[in-house]
């Protein structure tokens, strides 16, 4: 008998419809909220998640922010909460240089010549 047990990182986009003022460049922008976590899977069925983190990517300048966990949990639960500057911590000023692989859809830096996931030339 074989058991397929794996611990995998997961990434999920959380819908968010409110616009805000970018803490980095000062322009009006849309927020893209990303939840990351680790997940224990048995037979490819997710059983347990831990280590949740929330990130915000701005559409205007491509800045990436870490989002306060309590605010991220409330938004993930469907509450209509405005994101304030106090709940954001700047991680990367130019995250817009991240693209996706046309073959596998993996997020990659635009400076890469090969995809680290599928290995195909970009």
Protein backbone atom coordinates (compact mmCIF):
# COMPACT_ATOMS: atom_id res chain seq x y z
CA UNK A 1 0.00 0.00 0.00
CA UNK A 2 1.31 3.45 -0.94
CA UNK A 3 0.52 6.76 0.68
CA UNK A 4 1.05 9.97 -1.23
CA UNK A 5 1.79 12.64 1.35
CA UNK A 6 3.24 16.00 0.37
CA UNK A 7 3.83 19.44 1.81
CA UNK A 8 3.35 21.99 -0.94
CA UNK A 9 3.40 25.79 -1.09
CA UNK A 10 0.12 27.26 -2.32
CA UNK A 11 -0.71 30.68 -3.72
CA UNK A 12 -4.23 32.06 -4.07
CA UNK A 13 -5.51 35.37 -5.45
CA UNK A 14 -8.16 36.94 -3.23
CA UNK A 15 -10.78 39.13 -4.94
CA UNK A 16 -10.67 42.76 -3.77
CA UNK A 17 -12.71 45.50 -5.42
CA UNK A 18 -11.71 48.69 -3.59
CA UNK A 19 -9.17 51.08 -5.11
CA UNK A 20 -6.58 52.85 -3.01
CA UNK A 21 -3.77 55.36 -3.05
CA UNK A 22 -0.38 53.69 -3.53
CA UNK A 23 1.90 54.11 -0.50
CA UNK A 24 4.93 54.01 -2.83
CA UNK A 25 4.11 56.32 -5.78
CA UNK A 26 0.98 58.17 -4.58
CA UNK A 27 -1.21 57.24 -7.59
CA UNK A 28 -4.66 55.67 -7.50
CA UNK A 29 -4.34 51.95 -8.12
CA UNK A 30 -6.02 48.57 -7.90
CA UNK A 31 -4.79 46.14 -5.26
CA UNK A 32 -4.12 42.50 -6.11
CA UNK A 33 -4.15 40.47 -2.89
CA UNK A 34 -2.18 37.23 -2.79
CA UNK A 35 -2.36 34.65 0.00
CA UNK A 36 0.51 32.18 0.36
CA UNK A 37 0.69 29.22 2.75
CA UNK A 38 2.03 25.72 3.16
CA UNK A 39 -0.38 22.84 2.68
CA UNK A 40 -0.27 19.20 3.76
CA UNK A 41 -1.87 17.03 1.06
CA UNK A 42 -2.75 13.35 1.25
CA UNK A 43 -3.56 11.70 -2.06
CA UNK A 44 -3.56 15.20 -3.64
CA UNK A 45 -6.33 16.37 -1.28
CA UNK A 46 -5.41 19.44 0.81
CA UNK A 47 -5.80 18.58 4.49
CA UNK A 48 -4.10 21.26 6.57
CA UNK A 49 -2.80 24.79 5.85
CA UNK A 50 -0.34 26.79 7.95
CA UNK A 51 1.96 29.78 7.67
CA UNK A 52 -0.50 32.05 5.88
CA UNK A 53 0.91 35.31 4.62
CA UNK A 54 -0.82 38.05 2.66
CA UNK A 55 0.77 40.28 0.04
CA UNK A 56 -0.51 43.24 -1.98
CA UNK A 57 0.72 44.02 -5.50
CA UNK A 58 -0.19 47.47 -6.85
CA UNK A 59 -1.26 47.92 -10.46
CA UNK A 60 0.19 51.43 -10.81
CA UNK A 61 3.91 51.01 -10.10
CA UNK A 62 4.23 47.27 -9.48
CA UNK A 63 5.28 47.68 -5.83
CA UNK A 64 4.87 44.62 -3.58
CA UNK A 65 3.77 45.02 0.03
CA UNK A 66 3.31 42.65 2.95
CA UNK A 67 -0.24 42.94 4.33
CA UNK A 68 -1.10 42.71 8.02
CA UNK A 69 -2.42 39.19 8.74
CA UNK A 70 -5.58 40.35 10.54
CA UNK A 71 -6.55 42.58 7.59
CA UNK A 72 -5.76 39.79 5.12
CA UNK A 73 -7.87 37.29 7.06
CA UNK A 74 -10.81 39.72 7.16
CA UNK A 75 -10.62 40.32 3.39
CA UNK A 76 -10.32 36.57 2.74
CA UNK A 77 -13.47 36.06 4.84
CA UNK A 78 -15.36 38.44 2.52
CA UNK A 79 -15.40 41.58 4.65
CA UNK A 80 -15.25 44.87 2.74
CA UNK A 81 -12.30 46.49 4.55
CA UNK A 82 -10.19 49.36 3.21
CA UNK A 83 -6.45 48.75 3.20
CA UNK A 84 -4.58 51.52 5.05
CA UNK A 85 -0.92 52.53 4.87
CA UNK A 86 -0.43 51.25 8.43
CA UNK A 87 -1.30 47.69 7.36
CA UNK A 88 1.23 47.67 4.47
CA UNK A 89 5.00 47.09 4.61
CA UNK A 90 7.05 47.64 1.44
CA UNK A 91 8.91 44.53 0.23
CA UNK A 92 9.89 45.30 -3.37
CA UNK A 93 9.68 48.60 -5.23
CA UNK A 94 9.63 47.17 -8.76
CA UNK A 95 7.82 43.85 -8.68
CA UNK A 96 6.40 44.64 -12.14
CA UNK A 97 9.45 42.95 -13.65
CA UNK A 98 7.80 39.64 -12.80
CA UNK A 99 6.09 37.88 -15.70
CA UNK A 100 4.67 34.46 -16.36
CA UNK A 101 6.07 31.57 -18.36
CA UNK A 102 4.08 31.13 -21.60
CA UNK A 103 4.42 27.35 -21.34
CA UNK A 104 3.58 26.50 -17.70
CA UNK A 105 2.21 29.78 -16.25
CA UNK A 106 4.81 29.96 -13.46
CA UNK A 107 5.67 33.48 -12.21
CA UNK A 108 9.23 34.35 -13.20
CA UNK A 109 11.51 37.36 -13.32
CA UNK A 110 11.61 38.88 -16.81
CA UNK A 111 15.42 38.73 -16.77
CA UNK A 112 15.38 34.90 -16.85
CA UNK A 113 16.28 33.12 -20.08
CA UNK A 114 14.83 29.76 -18.95
CA UNK A 115 11.84 28.94 -16.77
CA UNK A 116 12.99 27.42 -13.45
CA UNK A 117 9.86 25.24 -13.27
CA UNK A 118 9.55 23.71 -16.76
CA UNK A 119 13.05 24.48 -18.08
CA UNK A 120 11.92 25.82 -21.47
CA UNK A 121 13.66 28.76 -23.13
CA UNK A 122 11.68 31.99 -22.86
